[in-house]
């Protein structure tokens, strides 16, 4: 017997690539079949006794916003950044940093918010993650959530494998969240 359920989800889609473009231009109420989520929940990796500054760039803000909604007691501050002001229309009521308006990125904004004793959870473009890695190298509880094209989503194709200190790991299976010290190539 096969049973199906319909769940409502909210998508944050950047219209880049064939599938994402189709999603972004589909009429409201279009039904899609979705697989996922992939990987391990953030709560399985972060220290539950610490508070975090969430640093998101572009579409990397979406998983952090979900984390903040699910675990507000672990969030000390947020630094969400976008290159252009278009995001303001998508996220009404959310405090966001617009780089084109004042030249300050989410990573630079986070530097104003972070204090010793706080951790960081970051998700966004690799240059932003590299800047954070350079700035917070050696600090405890600094995590980055990596983005990748996911092939199979169950860890068999190895298409999203990355090198870590403990050997290759898959973003779709062991990730997407990794402690900064696990990723020597990012530092």
N, C-alpha and C. Protein backbone atom coordinates (compact mmCIF):
# COMPACT_ATOMS: atom_id res chain seq x y z
N UNK A 1 0.85 -1.18 0.00
CA UNK A 1 0.00 0.00 0.00
C UNK A 1 0.89 1.23 0.00
N UNK A 2 0.59 2.15 -0.84
CA UNK A 2 1.37 3.37 -0.96
C UNK A 2 0.53 4.53 -0.46
N UNK A 3 1.09 5.25 0.48
CA UNK A 3 0.38 6.43 0.97
C UNK A 3 1.21 7.66 0.64
N UNK A 4 0.54 8.72 0.36
CA UNK A 4 1.23 9.97 0.07
C UNK A 4 0.70 11.05 0.99
N UNK A 5 1.56 11.96 1.29
CA UNK A 5 1.18 13.10 2.12
C UNK A 5 1.59 14.37 1.41
N UNK A 6 0.91 15.42 1.68
CA UNK A 6 1.26 16.70 1.11
C UNK A 6 1.65 17.62 2.25
N UNK A 7 2.85 18.16 2.15
CA UNK A 7 3.35 19.07 3.16
C UNK A 7 3.60 20.42 2.52
N UNK A 8 3.38 21.46 3.25
CA UNK A 8 3.69 22.79 2.75
C UNK A 8 5.10 23.16 3.15
N UNK A 9 5.86 23.69 2.21
CA UNK A 9 7.20 24.17 2.51
C UNK A 9 7.37 25.54 1.89
N UNK A 10 8.28 26.29 2.45
CA UNK A 10 8.60 27.60 1.91
C UNK A 10 9.97 27.49 1.26
N UNK A 11 10.06 27.88 -0.01
CA UNK A 11 11.32 27.78 -0.74
C UNK A 11 11.94 29.15 -0.92
N UNK A 12 13.23 29.18 -0.84
CA UNK A 12 14.03 30.37 -1.09
C UNK A 12 14.89 29.99 -2.28
N UNK A 13 14.52 30.42 -3.49
CA UNK A 13 15.14 29.92 -4.71
C UNK A 13 15.83 31.05 -5.47
N UNK A 14 17.10 30.83 -5.78
CA UNK A 14 17.85 31.74 -6.64
C UNK A 14 17.70 31.20 -8.05
N UNK A 15 17.21 32.00 -8.98
CA UNK A 15 16.92 31.50 -10.33
C UNK A 15 18.19 31.39 -11.16
N UNK A 16 18.93 30.34 -10.91
CA UNK A 16 20.19 30.09 -11.60
C UNK A 16 20.26 28.58 -11.83
N UNK A 17 20.37 28.14 -13.04
CA UNK A 17 20.34 26.71 -13.34
C UNK A 17 18.96 26.30 -13.80
N UNK A 18 18.88 25.17 -14.49
CA UNK A 18 17.62 24.75 -15.11
C UNK A 18 16.52 24.46 -14.10
N UNK A 19 16.81 23.68 -13.08
CA UNK A 19 15.76 23.31 -12.12
C UNK A 19 15.34 24.53 -11.31
N UNK A 20 16.31 25.28 -10.83
CA UNK A 20 15.97 26.46 -10.02
C UNK A 20 15.21 27.48 -10.85
N UNK A 21 15.56 27.62 -12.12
CA UNK A 21 14.84 28.55 -12.97
C UNK A 21 13.39 28.10 -13.14
N UNK A 22 13.19 26.80 -13.35
CA UNK A 22 11.83 26.27 -13.48
C UNK A 22 11.03 26.54 -12.20
N UNK A 23 11.65 26.33 -11.05
CA UNK A 23 10.97 26.60 -9.78
C UNK A 23 10.60 28.07 -9.63
N UNK A 24 11.53 28.94 -9.98
CA UNK A 24 11.31 30.36 -9.74
C UNK A 24 10.26 30.96 -10.68
N UNK A 25 10.04 30.36 -11.84
CA UNK A 25 9.07 30.90 -12.79
C UNK A 25 7.77 30.11 -12.85
N UNK A 26 7.60 29.14 -11.97
CA UNK A 26 6.37 28.35 -11.95
C UNK A 26 5.28 29.14 -11.25
N UNK A 27 4.04 28.96 -11.70
CA UNK A 27 2.93 29.66 -11.05
C UNK A 27 2.78 29.22 -9.60
N UNK A 28 2.27 30.12 -8.79
CA UNK A 28 1.98 29.81 -7.40
C UNK A 28 1.03 28.62 -7.37
N UNK A 29 1.15 27.75 -6.42
CA UNK A 29 0.36 26.53 -6.24
C UNK A 29 0.75 25.40 -7.18
N UNK A 30 1.88 25.54 -7.90
CA UNK A 30 2.38 24.42 -8.70
C UNK A 30 2.86 23.34 -7.75
N UNK A 31 2.54 22.12 -8.03
CA UNK A 31 2.93 21.00 -7.17
C UNK A 31 4.21 20.38 -7.71
N UNK A 32 5.19 20.20 -6.83
CA UNK A 32 6.45 19.56 -7.16
C UNK A 32 6.69 18.42 -6.19
N UNK A 33 7.39 17.40 -6.63
CA UNK A 33 7.82 16.33 -5.75
C UNK A 33 9.24 16.68 -5.32
N UNK A 34 9.50 16.65 -4.03
CA UNK A 34 10.79 17.06 -3.49
C UNK A 34 11.36 15.94 -2.63
N UNK A 35 12.65 15.67 -2.80
CA UNK A 35 13.36 14.73 -1.93
C UNK A 35 14.21 15.53 -0.96
N UNK A 36 14.43 14.96 0.20
CA UNK A 36 15.30 15.61 1.16
C UNK A 36 14.61 15.73 2.49
N UNK A 37 15.17 16.36 3.46
CA UNK A 37 16.46 17.04 3.43
C UNK A 37 17.61 16.03 3.46
N UNK A 38 18.75 16.48 3.03
CA UNK A 38 19.94 15.65 2.97
C UNK A 38 20.88 16.02 4.11
N UNK A 39 21.75 15.09 4.46
CA UNK A 39 22.77 15.37 5.46
C UNK A 39 22.26 15.25 6.88
N UNK A 40 23.06 15.80 7.77
CA UNK A 40 22.81 15.73 9.20
C UNK A 40 22.23 17.06 9.70
N UNK A 41 21.30 17.01 10.64
CA UNK A 41 20.79 18.26 11.21
C UNK A 41 21.92 19.04 11.91
N UNK A 42 21.84 20.35 11.85
CA UNK A 42 22.84 21.19 12.52
C UNK A 42 22.97 20.83 14.00
N UNK A 43 21.84 20.54 14.64
CA UNK A 43 21.86 20.27 16.08
C UNK A 43 22.70 19.04 16.43
N UNK A 44 22.93 18.17 15.48
CA UNK A 44 23.77 17.02 15.73
C UNK A 44 25.25 17.35 15.76
N UNK A 45 25.60 18.57 15.36
CA UNK A 45 27.01 18.95 15.27
C UNK A 45 27.39 20.12 16.17
N UNK A 46 26.50 21.06 16.37
CA UNK A 46 26.84 22.25 17.16
C UNK A 46 26.82 21.94 18.65
N UNK A 47 27.44 22.81 19.42
CA UNK A 47 27.44 22.67 20.88
C UNK A 47 26.16 23.30 21.42
N UNK A 48 25.28 22.50 22.03
CA UNK A 48 24.01 23.05 22.48
C UNK A 48 24.12 24.05 23.62
N UNK A 49 25.26 24.11 24.29
CA UNK A 49 25.43 25.05 25.39
C UNK A 49 25.99 26.40 24.96
N UNK A 50 26.21 26.60 23.70
CA UNK A 50 26.82 27.83 23.21
C UNK A 50 25.79 28.61 22.38
N UNK A 51 25.95 29.91 22.34
CA UNK A 51 25.12 30.76 21.47
C UNK A 51 25.95 31.13 20.25
N UNK A 52 25.26 31.38 19.12
CA UNK A 52 25.93 31.55 17.84
C UNK A 52 25.51 32.83 17.13
N UNK A 53 26.46 33.38 16.38
CA UNK A 53 26.16 34.42 15.41
C UNK A 53 25.95 33.68 14.10
N UNK A 54 24.80 33.87 13.48
CA UNK A 54 24.50 33.23 12.21
C UNK A 54 24.91 34.18 11.09
N UNK A 55 25.77 33.71 10.18
CA UNK A 55 26.28 34.55 9.10
C UNK A 55 25.88 33.92 7.78
N UNK A 56 24.96 34.58 7.08
CA UNK A 56 24.46 34.04 5.82
C UNK A 56 24.69 34.99 4.68
N UNK A 57 25.08 34.43 3.54
CA UNK A 57 25.24 35.22 2.33
C UNK A 57 24.34 34.68 1.24
N UNK A 58 23.49 35.53 0.66
CA UNK A 58 22.61 35.12 -0.43
C UNK A 58 21.70 33.98 -0.02
N UNK A 59 21.61 32.96 -0.88
CA UNK A 59 20.72 31.84 -0.59
C UNK A 59 21.17 31.05 0.64
N UNK A 60 22.39 31.27 1.10
CA UNK A 60 22.86 30.63 2.32
C UNK A 60 22.14 31.12 3.56
N UNK A 61 21.37 32.19 3.44
CA UNK A 61 20.59 32.68 4.58
C UNK A 61 19.43 31.75 4.92
N UNK A 62 18.90 31.05 3.92
CA UNK A 62 17.70 30.23 4.13
C UNK A 62 17.86 29.17 5.22
N UNK A 63 18.90 28.32 5.18
CA UNK A 63 19.00 27.32 6.26
C UNK A 63 19.26 27.95 7.63
N UNK A 64 19.92 29.10 7.64
CA UNK A 64 20.19 29.76 8.92
C UNK A 64 18.91 30.37 9.49
N UNK A 65 18.07 30.89 8.62
CA UNK A 65 16.79 31.43 9.08
C UNK A 65 15.94 30.30 9.68
N UNK A 66 15.99 29.14 9.06
CA UNK A 66 15.25 27.98 9.58
C UNK A 66 15.83 27.58 10.95
N UNK A 67 17.15 27.52 11.05
CA UNK A 67 17.79 27.19 12.32
C UNK A 67 17.37 28.18 13.40
N UNK A 68 17.38 29.47 13.08
CA UNK A 68 17.01 30.50 14.06
C UNK A 68 15.56 30.34 14.50
N UNK A 69 14.70 29.96 13.58
CA UNK A 69 13.30 29.75 13.92
C UNK A 69 13.12 28.53 14.83
N UNK A 70 13.88 27.47 14.58
CA UNK A 70 13.77 26.24 15.35
C UNK A 70 14.49 26.32 16.70
N UNK A 71 15.57 27.10 16.78
CA UNK A 71 16.41 27.14 18.00
C UNK A 71 16.76 28.59 18.38
N UNK A 72 15.77 29.43 18.65
CA UNK A 72 16.06 30.83 18.95
C UNK A 72 16.94 31.03 20.18
N UNK A 73 16.91 30.09 21.11
CA UNK A 73 17.72 30.20 22.32
C UNK A 73 19.22 30.06 22.04
N UNK A 74 19.58 29.51 20.87
CA UNK A 74 21.00 29.34 20.52
C UNK A 74 21.54 30.48 19.66
N UNK A 75 20.69 31.44 19.32
CA UNK A 75 21.08 32.51 18.40
C UNK A 75 21.35 33.80 19.18
N UNK A 76 22.61 34.25 19.11
CA UNK A 76 22.98 35.50 19.76
C UNK A 76 22.71 36.68 18.84
N UNK A 77 22.95 36.50 17.54
CA UNK A 77 22.76 37.58 16.57
C UNK A 77 22.76 36.98 15.17
N UNK A 78 22.28 37.77 14.21
CA UNK A 78 22.29 37.33 12.81
C UNK A 78 22.94 38.39 11.94
N UNK A 79 23.65 37.92 10.92
CA UNK A 79 24.25 38.80 9.91
C UNK A 79 23.93 38.19 8.56
N UNK A 80 22.83 38.62 7.98
CA UNK A 80 22.42 38.11 6.67
C UNK A 80 22.75 39.18 5.64
N UNK A 81 23.43 38.78 4.58
CA UNK A 81 23.84 39.76 3.59
C UNK A 81 23.50 39.37 2.17
N UNK A 82 23.25 40.39 1.38
CA UNK A 82 22.93 40.24 -0.03
C UNK A 82 23.66 41.32 -0.81
N UNK A 83 23.95 41.05 -2.07
CA UNK A 83 24.67 42.03 -2.88
C UNK A 83 23.79 43.20 -3.29
N UNK A 84 22.51 42.93 -3.54
CA UNK A 84 21.61 43.99 -4.00
C UNK A 84 20.38 44.07 -3.10
N UNK A 85 19.66 45.15 -3.22
CA UNK A 85 18.50 45.40 -2.38
C UNK A 85 17.27 44.59 -2.71
N UNK A 86 17.30 43.80 -3.78
CA UNK A 86 16.13 43.00 -4.16
C UNK A 86 15.67 42.09 -3.03
N UNK A 87 16.58 41.61 -2.21
CA UNK A 87 16.25 40.66 -1.15
C UNK A 87 15.32 41.28 -0.11
N UNK A 88 15.35 42.58 0.02
CA UNK A 88 14.48 43.24 0.98
C UNK A 88 13.00 42.95 0.72
N UNK A 89 12.64 42.81 -0.55
CA UNK A 89 11.25 42.49 -0.90
C UNK A 89 10.92 41.05 -0.54
N UNK A 90 11.92 40.16 -0.61
CA UNK A 90 11.68 38.75 -0.31
C UNK A 90 11.59 38.48 1.18
N UNK A 91 12.27 39.29 1.96
CA UNK A 91 12.37 39.03 3.39
C UNK A 91 11.90 40.23 4.22
N UNK A 92 10.65 40.62 4.06
CA UNK A 92 10.17 41.78 4.83
C UNK A 92 10.26 41.49 6.33
N UNK A 93 10.73 42.46 7.06
CA UNK A 93 10.83 42.32 8.51
C UNK A 93 12.11 41.64 8.99
N UNK A 94 12.96 41.20 8.06
CA UNK A 94 14.22 40.57 8.43
C UNK A 94 15.34 41.57 8.28
N UNK A 95 16.18 41.67 9.29
CA UNK A 95 17.31 42.59 9.24
C UNK A 95 18.38 42.00 8.31
N UNK A 96 18.64 42.70 7.20
CA UNK A 96 19.63 42.22 6.24
C UNK A 96 20.62 43.33 5.90
N UNK A 97 21.81 42.91 5.54
CA UNK A 97 22.87 43.82 5.13
C UNK A 97 22.90 43.84 3.60
N UNK A 98 22.81 45.03 3.00
CA UNK A 98 22.85 45.14 1.55
C UNK A 98 24.20 45.71 1.15
N UNK A 99 25.03 44.88 0.53
CA UNK A 99 26.41 45.25 0.22
C UNK A 99 26.50 46.44 -0.73
N UNK A 100 25.61 46.52 -1.72
CA UNK A 100 25.70 47.61 -2.70
C UNK A 100 25.35 48.96 -2.09
N UNK A 101 24.70 48.99 -0.94
CA UNK A 101 24.30 50.26 -0.34
C UNK A 101 25.40 50.87 0.51
N UNK A 102 26.14 50.05 1.25
CA UNK A 102 27.18 50.62 2.10
C UNK A 102 28.54 49.93 1.98
N UNK A 103 28.65 48.96 1.08
CA UNK A 103 29.93 48.29 0.85
C UNK A 103 30.33 47.29 1.90
N UNK A 104 29.49 47.05 2.88
CA UNK A 104 29.82 46.14 3.98
C UNK A 104 29.15 44.79 3.74
N UNK A 105 29.93 43.71 3.80
CA UNK A 105 29.40 42.37 3.57
C UNK A 105 28.87 41.77 4.88
N UNK A 106 28.20 40.63 4.75
CA UNK A 106 27.69 39.94 5.94
C UNK A 106 28.84 39.54 6.86
N UNK A 107 29.96 39.11 6.28
CA UNK A 107 31.12 38.71 7.10
C UNK A 107 31.66 39.90 7.88
N UNK A 108 31.70 41.07 7.25
CA UNK A 108 32.17 42.28 7.95
C UNK A 108 31.18 42.71 9.02
N UNK A 109 29.90 42.59 8.73
CA UNK A 109 28.86 42.91 9.70
C UNK A 109 28.96 41.96 10.91
N UNK A 110 29.25 40.68 10.63
CA UNK A 110 29.38 39.69 11.71
C UNK A 110 30.52 40.05 12.65
N UNK A 111 31.59 40.65 12.13
CA UNK A 111 32.73 41.03 12.97
C UNK A 111 32.30 42.03 14.04
N UNK A 112 31.30 42.85 13.73
CA UNK A 112 30.78 43.81 14.71
C UNK A 112 29.94 43.12 15.79
N UNK A 113 29.40 41.94 15.47
CA UNK A 113 28.49 41.23 16.38
C UNK A 113 29.18 40.16 17.22
N UNK A 114 30.24 39.57 16.68
CA UNK A 114 30.89 38.44 17.35
C UNK A 114 31.74 38.92 18.53
N UNK A 115 31.67 38.14 19.60
CA UNK A 115 32.49 38.39 20.80
C UNK A 115 33.03 37.04 21.26
N UNK A 116 34.20 37.02 21.93
CA UNK A 116 34.69 35.75 22.46
C UNK A 116 33.63 35.09 23.33
N UNK A 117 33.50 33.79 23.17
CA UNK A 117 32.47 33.03 23.88
C UNK A 117 31.30 32.66 22.98
N UNK A 118 31.17 33.37 21.87
CA UNK A 118 30.12 33.04 20.91
C UNK A 118 30.70 32.15 19.82
N UNK A 119 29.88 31.30 19.26
CA UNK A 119 30.26 30.53 18.09
C UNK A 119 29.73 31.19 16.84
N UNK A 120 30.03 30.61 15.70
CA UNK A 120 29.52 31.11 14.42
C UNK A 120 29.02 29.92 13.62
N UNK A 121 27.87 30.08 12.98
CA UNK A 121 27.39 29.14 11.98
C UNK A 121 27.20 29.97 10.72
N UNK A 122 27.91 29.58 9.65
CA UNK A 122 27.89 30.37 8.42
C UNK A 122 27.49 29.51 7.24
N UNK A 123 26.77 30.11 6.31
CA UNK A 123 26.41 29.45 5.06
C UNK A 123 26.33 30.53 3.99
N UNK A 124 27.00 30.28 2.88
CA UNK A 124 26.99 31.26 1.80
C UNK A 124 28.08 30.96 0.79
N UNK A 125 28.40 31.95 -0.01
CA UNK A 125 29.40 31.73 -1.06
C UNK A 125 30.79 31.46 -0.46
N UNK A 126 31.57 30.69 -1.19
CA UNK A 126 32.89 30.29 -0.70
C UNK A 126 33.80 31.47 -0.34
N UNK A 127 33.82 32.57 -1.10
CA UNK A 127 34.67 33.69 -0.68
C UNK A 127 34.30 34.23 0.71
N UNK A 128 33.01 34.25 1.03
CA UNK A 128 32.59 34.69 2.36
C UNK A 128 33.07 33.70 3.41
N UNK A 129 32.96 32.41 3.13
CA UNK A 129 33.40 31.39 4.09
C UNK A 129 34.91 31.46 4.29
N UNK A 130 35.66 31.73 3.22
CA UNK A 130 37.12 31.86 3.33
C UNK A 130 37.49 33.07 4.20
N UNK A 131 36.78 34.17 4.04
CA UNK A 131 37.04 35.35 4.85
C UNK A 131 36.78 35.05 6.33
N UNK A 132 35.68 34.36 6.61
CA UNK A 132 35.38 33.99 8.00
C UNK A 132 36.43 33.02 8.54
N UNK A 133 36.87 32.07 7.71
CA UNK A 133 37.89 31.11 8.14
C UNK A 133 39.19 31.82 8.50
N UNK A 134 39.56 32.80 7.70
CA UNK A 134 40.79 33.56 7.97
C UNK A 134 40.65 34.35 9.26
N UNK A 135 39.51 34.95 9.46
CA UNK A 135 39.29 35.83 10.62
C UNK A 135 39.14 35.04 11.92
N UNK A 136 38.50 33.87 11.89
CA UNK A 136 38.17 33.15 13.12
C UNK A 136 38.94 31.84 13.29
N UNK A 137 40.00 31.67 12.53
CA UNK A 137 40.84 30.47 12.65
C UNK A 137 41.28 30.31 14.10
N UNK A 138 41.12 29.10 14.64
CA UNK A 138 41.54 28.82 16.01
C UNK A 138 40.47 29.08 17.06
N UNK A 139 39.38 29.73 16.70
CA UNK A 139 38.30 29.97 17.67
C UNK A 139 37.43 28.71 17.76
N UNK A 140 36.89 28.41 18.94
CA UNK A 140 36.04 27.23 19.07
C UNK A 140 34.64 27.45 18.49
N UNK A 141 34.02 26.37 18.09
CA UNK A 141 32.63 26.37 17.63
C UNK A 141 32.36 27.32 16.46
N UNK A 142 33.21 27.22 15.45
CA UNK A 142 32.99 27.93 14.20
C UNK A 142 32.63 26.87 13.17
N UNK A 143 31.44 26.98 12.60
CA UNK A 143 30.92 25.98 11.67
C UNK A 143 30.56 26.62 10.35
N UNK A 144 30.76 25.88 9.27
CA UNK A 144 30.33 26.34 7.95
C UNK A 144 29.43 25.27 7.33
N UNK A 145 28.36 25.72 6.72
CA UNK A 145 27.45 24.84 6.01
C UNK A 145 27.77 25.00 4.54
N UNK A 146 28.16 23.89 3.90
CA UNK A 146 28.63 23.94 2.52
C UNK A 146 27.50 23.65 1.54
N UNK A 147 27.58 24.31 0.40
CA UNK A 147 26.62 24.09 -0.68
C UNK A 147 27.32 23.31 -1.78
N UNK A 148 26.58 22.45 -2.45
CA UNK A 148 27.15 21.68 -3.55
C UNK A 148 26.02 21.19 -4.43
N UNK A 149 26.35 20.86 -5.66
CA UNK A 149 25.37 20.17 -6.51
C UNK A 149 25.29 18.75 -5.98
N UNK A 150 24.09 18.33 -5.67
CA UNK A 150 23.87 17.01 -5.09
C UNK A 150 23.40 16.08 -6.21
N UNK A 151 24.13 14.99 -6.41
CA UNK A 151 23.75 14.01 -7.44
C UNK A 151 22.67 13.09 -6.91
N UNK A 152 23.09 12.07 -6.17
CA UNK A 152 22.14 11.05 -5.70
C UNK A 152 21.44 11.47 -4.41
N UNK A 153 22.11 12.24 -3.56
CA UNK A 153 21.52 12.67 -2.30
C UNK A 153 21.58 11.64 -1.18
N UNK A 154 22.11 10.46 -1.45
CA UNK A 154 22.18 9.43 -0.41
C UNK A 154 23.61 8.97 -0.16
N UNK A 155 24.58 9.62 -0.79
CA UNK A 155 25.98 9.36 -0.51
C UNK A 155 26.65 8.29 -1.35
N UNK A 156 25.97 7.74 -2.34
CA UNK A 156 26.60 6.67 -3.11
C UNK A 156 27.39 7.17 -4.31
N UNK A 157 27.02 8.28 -4.91
CA UNK A 157 27.71 8.73 -6.13
C UNK A 157 29.02 9.44 -5.84
N UNK A 158 29.20 9.91 -4.63
CA UNK A 158 30.40 10.63 -4.19
C UNK A 158 30.62 11.95 -4.92
N UNK A 159 29.60 12.45 -5.59
CA UNK A 159 29.72 13.69 -6.35
C UNK A 159 29.92 14.92 -5.49
N UNK A 160 29.54 14.87 -4.25
CA UNK A 160 29.67 16.04 -3.37
C UNK A 160 30.74 15.82 -2.31
N UNK A 161 31.67 14.91 -2.57
CA UNK A 161 32.74 14.62 -1.60
C UNK A 161 33.72 15.78 -1.50
N UNK A 162 34.16 16.03 -0.30
CA UNK A 162 35.15 17.08 -0.04
C UNK A 162 36.25 16.50 0.84
N UNK A 163 37.47 17.03 0.73
CA UNK A 163 38.53 16.57 1.63
C UNK A 163 38.36 17.19 3.02
N UNK A 164 38.54 16.36 4.05
CA UNK A 164 38.53 16.85 5.42
C UNK A 164 39.73 16.24 6.14
N UNK A 165 40.00 16.73 7.33
CA UNK A 165 41.14 16.19 8.10
C UNK A 165 40.99 14.69 8.38
N UNK A 166 39.75 14.21 8.43
CA UNK A 166 39.53 12.79 8.70
C UNK A 166 39.25 11.99 7.42
N UNK A 167 39.62 12.53 6.26
CA UNK A 167 39.40 11.85 4.99
C UNK A 167 38.21 12.42 4.25
N UNK A 168 37.91 11.90 3.06
CA UNK A 168 36.80 12.43 2.27
C UNK A 168 35.46 12.27 3.00
N UNK A 169 34.65 13.31 2.91
CA UNK A 169 33.29 13.25 3.46
C UNK A 169 32.35 13.84 2.42
N UNK A 170 31.09 13.41 2.52
CA UNK A 170 30.08 13.84 1.55
C UNK A 170 29.19 14.92 2.16
N UNK A 171 29.01 15.99 1.41
CA UNK A 171 28.16 17.08 1.89
C UNK A 171 26.74 16.58 2.10
N UNK A 172 26.26 15.69 1.22
CA UNK A 172 24.87 15.21 1.33
C UNK A 172 24.67 14.21 2.46
N UNK A 173 25.73 13.66 2.99
CA UNK A 173 25.57 12.60 3.98
C UNK A 173 26.15 12.99 5.34
N UNK A 174 27.44 13.30 5.40
CA UNK A 174 28.05 13.71 6.68
C UNK A 174 27.84 15.21 6.94
N UNK A 175 27.61 15.98 5.92
CA UNK A 175 27.42 17.42 6.02
C UNK A 175 25.95 17.76 6.14
N UNK A 176 25.57 18.94 5.78
CA UNK A 176 26.35 19.98 5.13
C UNK A 176 27.19 20.81 6.10
N UNK A 177 26.98 20.63 7.41
CA UNK A 177 27.67 21.45 8.40
C UNK A 177 28.97 20.77 8.83
N UNK A 178 30.06 21.54 8.78
CA UNK A 178 31.37 21.04 9.18
C UNK A 178 32.02 22.07 10.10
N UNK A 179 32.72 21.56 11.11
CA UNK A 179 33.51 22.45 11.96
C UNK A 179 34.64 23.01 11.11
N UNK A 180 34.97 24.27 11.28
CA UNK A 180 35.99 24.92 10.48
C UNK A 180 37.31 24.17 10.51
N UNK A 181 37.69 23.65 11.67
CA UNK A 181 38.98 22.96 11.75
C UNK A 181 39.00 21.64 10.97
N UNK A 182 37.84 21.13 10.56
CA UNK A 182 37.78 19.92 9.73
C UNK A 182 38.17 20.20 8.27
N UNK A 183 38.19 21.47 7.87
CA UNK A 183 38.33 21.84 6.46
C UNK A 183 39.62 22.62 6.21
N UNK A 184 40.76 21.95 6.15
CA UNK A 184 42.02 22.67 5.97
C UNK A 184 42.08 23.43 4.65
N UNK A 185 41.38 22.97 3.63
CA UNK A 185 41.40 23.64 2.33
C UNK A 185 40.67 24.98 2.36
N UNK A 186 39.81 25.19 3.37
CA UNK A 186 39.08 26.46 3.47
C UNK A 186 39.90 27.50 4.21
N UNK A 187 40.87 27.06 4.98
CA UNK A 187 41.64 27.96 5.82
C UNK A 187 42.81 28.45 5.10
